[in-house]
C-alpha atoms as a PDB file:
ATOM      1  CA  MET A   1      -4.421  22.379  45.278  1.00  0.00           C
ATOM      2  CA  THR A   2      -3.681  25.374  43.130  1.00  0.00           C
ATOM      3  CA  ALA A   3      -3.894  28.991  44.214  1.00  0.00           C
ATOM      4  CA  GLU A   4      -5.399  30.260  40.975  1.00  0.00           C
ATOM      5  CA  GLY A   5      -7.556  32.778  42.780  1.00  0.00           C
ATOM      6  CA  ASN A   6      -8.659  33.929  46.164  1.00  0.00           C
ATOM      7  CA  GLN A   7     -12.084  32.369  45.620  1.00  0.00           C
ATOM      8  CA  VAL A   8     -12.375  28.756  46.727  1.00  0.00           C
ATOM      9  CA  SER A   9     -15.720  27.129  46.092  1.00  0.00           C
ATOM     10  CA  PRO A  10     -17.466  25.639  49.135  1.00  0.00           C
ATOM     11  CA  LYS A  11     -18.187  22.532  47.049  1.00  0.00           C
ATOM     12  CA  LYS A  12     -14.473  21.994  46.512  1.00  0.00           C
ATOM     13  CA  ILE A  13     -13.802  22.397  50.222  1.00  0.00           C
ATOM     14  CA  LEU A  14     -16.511  19.858  51.050  1.00  0.00           C
ATOM     15  CA  GLU A  15     -15.109  17.375  48.541  1.00  0.00           C
ATOM     16  CA  THR A  16     -11.647  17.742  50.032  1.00  0.00           C
ATOM     17  CA  VAL A  17     -12.929  17.349  53.576  1.00  0.00           C
ATOM     18  CA  PHE A  18     -14.932  14.253  52.670  1.00  0.00           C
ATOM     19  CA  ASP A  19     -11.911  12.764  50.915  1.00  0.00           C
ATOM     20  CA  LEU A  20      -9.834  13.318  54.045  1.00  0.00           C
ATOM     21  CA  ILE A  21     -12.515  11.786  56.263  1.00  0.00           C
ATOM     22  CA  ARG A  22     -12.888   8.791  53.957  1.00  0.00           C
ATOM     23  CA  ASN A  23      -9.136   8.185  53.839  1.00  0.00           C
ATOM     24  CA  PHE A  24      -8.805   8.634  57.591  1.00  0.00           C
ATOM     25  CA  SER A  25     -11.632   6.227  58.379  1.00  0.00           C
ATOM     26  CA  LYS A  26     -10.139   3.671  55.977  1.00  0.00           C
ATOM     27  CA  PHE A  27      -6.751   4.007  57.659  1.00  0.00           C
ATOM     28  CA  PHE A  28      -8.341   3.933  61.119  1.00  0.00           C
ATOM     29  CA  SER A  29     -10.302   0.741  60.475  1.00  0.00           C
ATOM     30  CA  PHE A  30      -7.179  -0.815  58.960  1.00  0.00           C
ATOM     31  CA  SER A  31      -5.227   0.036  62.127  1.00  0.00           C
ATOM     32  CA  ILE A  32      -7.916  -1.530  64.314  1.00  0.00           C
ATOM     33  CA  GLU A  33      -7.844  -4.704  62.211  1.00  0.00           C
ATOM     34  CA  ALA A  34      -4.059  -4.814  62.489  1.00  0.00           C
ATOM     35  CA  GLU A  35      -4.271  -4.464  66.270  1.00  0.00           C
ATOM     36  CA  GLU A  36      -6.806  -7.285  66.446  1.00  0.00           C
ATOM     37  CA  MET A  37      -4.542  -9.491  64.340  1.00  0.00           C
ATOM     38  CA  LYS A  38      -1.655  -8.824  66.734  1.00  0.00           C
ATOM     39  CA  THR A  39      -3.711  -9.750  69.793  1.00  0.00           C
ATOM     40  CA  ILE A  40      -4.905 -12.947  68.112  1.00  0.00           C
ATOM     41  CA  GLU A  41      -1.308 -13.973  67.357  1.00  0.00           C
ATOM     42  CA  LEU A  42      -0.157 -13.524  70.954  1.00  0.00           C
END
């Protein structure tokens, strides 16, 4: 992110937030799958 001005558009904030949520949910589901794989191996 660049600090080109004090004005940050709400649309940009929403896009960033959704990107974070999407990445987090991807990582979270991946972690759950990894845990399930571990329990299956045991």
